[in-house]
């Protein structure tokens, strides 16, 4: 795939994700215009210290909104899901439902998902162990970012971001009239 096609694909994906995030926020009765800049700052901070991209973190925020948590609670749920994913060598999305439930006061799913926590009935003990796993996972996520593999991932992400920001909007603006003309010719 050419860098031009990559820039266009990335731009279209960002545009689509932004529309979906807006819809998720507004479906919960909140103002997307106020919340999206907050999420963008959170996402940039998380992406700066992990191998997650700003786009992947924003997608997690969209899911958190769909699951019924917003704002700071969504930030904690996303950050905790990323940490647990790193600790257990799984994607953050596999833990997001459980961490959003934790933000809503329900820890049962975390007890089922995390090995070694299944039989714990005492909520205080369970939360202590969950917090230990989250802290350990965040250390893993940050350490991975500092290693050679993590640095190569970050370099690739940064190069893609530059190309997308520099050329994506221009390419999209140039292609849109061509696509519209082709669609009308086909009809």
Protein backbone atom coordinates (compact mmCIF):
# COMPACT_ATOMS: atom_id res chain seq x y z
CA UNK A 1 0.00 0.00 0.00
CA UNK A 2 1.35 3.43 -0.91
CA UNK A 3 1.94 6.15 1.69
CA UNK A 4 -0.76 8.16 -0.06
CA UNK A 5 -3.30 5.35 0.33
CA UNK A 6 -2.18 4.89 3.94
CA UNK A 7 -2.71 8.59 4.68
CA UNK A 8 -6.17 8.50 3.13
CA UNK A 9 -7.14 5.30 4.97
CA UNK A 10 -5.95 6.71 8.30
CA UNK A 11 -7.77 9.98 7.75
CA UNK A 12 -11.03 8.20 6.87
CA UNK A 13 -10.68 5.96 9.95
CA UNK A 14 -10.06 8.97 12.24
CA UNK A 15 -13.07 10.77 10.74
CA UNK A 16 -15.29 7.71 11.20
CA UNK A 17 -14.13 7.11 14.78
CA UNK A 18 -14.77 10.76 15.65
CA UNK A 19 -18.35 10.50 14.36
CA UNK A 20 -18.93 7.29 16.32
CA UNK A 21 -17.49 8.77 19.52
CA UNK A 22 -19.71 11.83 19.14
CA UNK A 23 -22.76 9.60 18.70
CA UNK A 24 -21.84 7.48 21.74
CA UNK A 25 -21.40 10.54 23.95
CA UNK A 26 -24.59 12.21 22.76
CA UNK A 27 -26.61 9.00 23.12
CA UNK A 28 -25.79 9.21 26.84
CA UNK A 29 -27.20 12.75 26.97
CA UNK A 30 -23.82 14.50 27.23
CA UNK A 31 -22.28 17.26 25.13
CA UNK A 32 -19.66 15.79 22.81
CA UNK A 33 -18.11 19.21 22.07
CA UNK A 34 -17.11 19.54 25.72
CA UNK A 35 -15.98 15.95 26.30
CA UNK A 36 -14.03 15.12 23.13
CA UNK A 37 -11.18 17.59 23.83
CA UNK A 38 -10.87 16.10 27.34
CA UNK A 39 -10.68 12.60 25.88
CA UNK A 40 -8.12 13.76 23.31
CA UNK A 41 -5.87 15.07 26.10
CA UNK A 42 -6.28 11.83 28.08
CA UNK A 43 -5.61 9.75 24.96
CA UNK A 44 -2.47 11.71 24.09
CA UNK A 45 -1.13 11.28 27.63
CA UNK A 46 -1.81 7.52 27.60
CA UNK A 47 -0.34 7.14 24.10
CA UNK A 48 2.75 9.02 25.23
CA UNK A 49 3.58 6.44 27.91
CA UNK A 50 2.34 3.20 26.30
CA UNK A 51 2.40 1.60 22.85
CA UNK A 52 -1.29 2.44 22.39
CA UNK A 53 -2.08 5.03 19.74
CA UNK A 54 -4.23 8.06 20.39
CA UNK A 55 -6.75 6.55 17.96
CA UNK A 56 -6.90 3.21 19.77
CA UNK A 57 -7.39 4.99 23.10
CA UNK A 58 -10.14 7.15 21.61
CA UNK A 59 -11.84 3.95 20.40
CA UNK A 60 -11.69 2.63 23.97
CA UNK A 61 -13.29 5.87 25.18
CA UNK A 62 -16.09 5.32 22.66
CA UNK A 63 -16.65 1.82 24.05
CA UNK A 64 -16.60 3.12 27.63
CA UNK A 65 -19.28 5.64 26.68
CA UNK A 66 -21.36 2.86 25.14
CA UNK A 67 -20.93 0.86 28.38
CA UNK A 68 -22.29 3.82 30.34
CA UNK A 69 -19.26 5.54 31.88
CA UNK A 70 -18.07 8.99 30.95
CA UNK A 71 -15.48 11.64 31.79
CA UNK A 72 -13.03 10.79 34.57
CA UNK A 73 -14.68 7.40 35.16
CA UNK A 74 -14.16 6.52 31.49
CA UNK A 75 -10.53 7.67 31.78
CA UNK A 76 -9.95 5.35 34.75
CA UNK A 77 -11.74 2.46 33.03
CA UNK A 78 -9.67 2.87 29.85
CA UNK A 79 -6.38 3.27 31.69
CA UNK A 80 -7.13 0.24 33.88
CA UNK A 81 -8.12 -1.85 30.86
CA UNK A 82 -4.83 -0.98 29.14
CA UNK A 83 -2.91 -1.91 32.29
CA UNK A 84 -4.73 -5.21 32.75
CA UNK A 85 -4.27 -6.02 29.07
CA UNK A 86 -0.52 -5.47 29.42
CA UNK A 87 -0.36 -7.53 32.61
CA UNK A 88 -2.18 -10.46 31.02
CA UNK A 89 -0.86 -10.20 27.44
CA UNK A 90 -4.28 -9.43 26.01
CA UNK A 91 -5.82 -6.43 24.35
CA UNK A 92 -7.23 -3.65 26.48
CA UNK A 93 -10.61 -4.14 24.82
CA UNK A 94 -10.90 -7.59 26.43
CA UNK A 95 -10.85 -5.95 29.88
CA UNK A 96 -12.79 -2.76 29.15
CA UNK A 97 -16.25 -4.12 29.95
CA UNK A 98 -14.99 -5.34 33.32
CA UNK A 99 -13.23 -2.06 34.15
CA UNK A 100 -16.30 -0.02 33.22
CA UNK A 101 -18.34 -2.28 35.47
CA UNK A 102 -15.78 -1.67 38.23
CA UNK A 103 -16.37 2.07 37.80
CA UNK A 104 -20.06 1.36 38.30
CA UNK A 105 -19.35 -0.57 41.51
CA UNK A 106 -19.52 -4.11 40.12
CA UNK A 107 -16.33 -6.19 40.48
CA UNK A 108 -17.71 -9.64 39.66
CA UNK A 109 -16.48 -9.67 36.07
CA UNK A 110 -12.94 -8.70 37.08
CA UNK A 111 -12.96 -11.55 39.57
CA UNK A 112 -13.83 -13.93 36.74
CA UNK A 113 -11.43 -12.53 34.13
CA UNK A 114 -8.25 -12.29 36.17
CA UNK A 115 -6.55 -15.58 37.05
CA UNK A 116 -6.16 -16.08 40.78
CA UNK A 117 -9.08 -13.85 41.75
CA UNK A 118 -11.99 -16.17 40.98
CA UNK A 119 -12.65 -17.40 44.52
CA UNK A 120 -12.22 -14.14 46.44
CA UNK A 121 -15.49 -13.12 48.11
CA UNK A 122 -14.22 -10.28 50.30
CA UNK A 123 -14.63 -7.07 48.20
CA UNK A 124 -11.80 -5.30 50.03
CA UNK A 125 -9.35 -8.12 49.32
CA UNK A 126 -10.56 -8.38 45.72
CA UNK A 127 -10.12 -4.64 45.09
CA UNK A 128 -6.66 -4.68 46.67
CA UNK A 129 -5.58 -7.53 44.37
CA UNK A 130 -7.17 -5.87 41.32
CA UNK A 131 -5.35 -2.60 42.08
CA UNK A 132 -2.08 -4.53 42.46
CA UNK A 133 -2.62 -6.11 39.03
CA UNK A 134 -3.49 -2.74 37.51
CA UNK A 135 -0.34 -1.13 38.95
CA UNK A 136 1.82 -4.03 37.78
CA UNK A 137 0.23 -3.91 34.33
CA UNK A 138 0.83 -0.19 33.97
CA UNK A 139 4.49 -0.74 34.86
CA UNK A 140 4.65 -3.45 32.17
CA UNK A 141 2.95 -1.20 29.58
CA UNK A 142 5.35 1.65 30.32
CA UNK A 143 8.42 -0.61 30.39
CA UNK A 144 7.45 -2.15 27.05
CA UNK A 145 7.32 1.34 25.58
CA UNK A 146 10.89 2.00 26.72
CA UNK A 147 12.29 -1.22 25.21
CA UNK A 148 13.55 -1.52 21.64
CA UNK A 149 10.31 -3.11 20.43
CA UNK A 150 8.25 -0.37 22.01
CA UNK A 151 10.49 2.34 20.60
CA UNK A 152 10.13 0.87 17.10
CA UNK A 153 6.35 0.75 17.51
CA UNK A 154 6.30 4.39 18.67
CA UNK A 155 8.53 5.45 15.74
CA UNK A 156 6.18 3.77 13.24
CA UNK A 157 3.15 5.37 14.92
CA UNK A 158 4.75 8.81 14.87
CA UNK A 159 5.68 8.50 11.19
CA UNK A 160 2.14 7.41 10.32
CA UNK A 161 0.71 10.30 12.35
CA UNK A 162 2.87 12.85 10.52
CA UNK A 163 1.88 11.49 7.12
CA UNK A 164 -1.81 11.36 8.09
CA UNK A 165 -1.84 14.91 9.51
CA UNK A 166 0.17 16.37 6.63
CA UNK A 167 -1.47 14.62 3.71
CA UNK A 168 -4.73 13.00 4.91
CA UNK A 169 -6.96 16.10 4.78
CA UNK A 170 -5.50 17.21 1.43
CA UNK A 171 -5.85 13.77 -0.14
CA UNK A 172 -9.39 13.41 1.24
CA UNK A 173 -10.40 16.83 -0.08
CA UNK A 174 -9.00 15.93 -3.50
CA UNK A 175 -10.63 12.51 -3.64
CA UNK A 176 -14.08 13.50 -2.41
CA UNK A 177 -15.18 15.24 -5.64
CA UNK A 178 -13.79 12.34 -7.70
CA UNK A 179 -15.72 9.83 -5.60
CA UNK A 180 -18.92 11.89 -5.90
CA UNK A 181 -18.47 12.16 -9.68
CA UNK A 182 -17.85 8.40 -9.98
CA UNK A 183 -20.91 7.61 -7.84
CA UNK A 184 -23.16 9.82 -9.96
CA UNK A 185 -21.81 8.23 -13.14
CA UNK A 186 -22.63 4.75 -11.81
CA UNK A 187 -26.22 5.69 -10.89
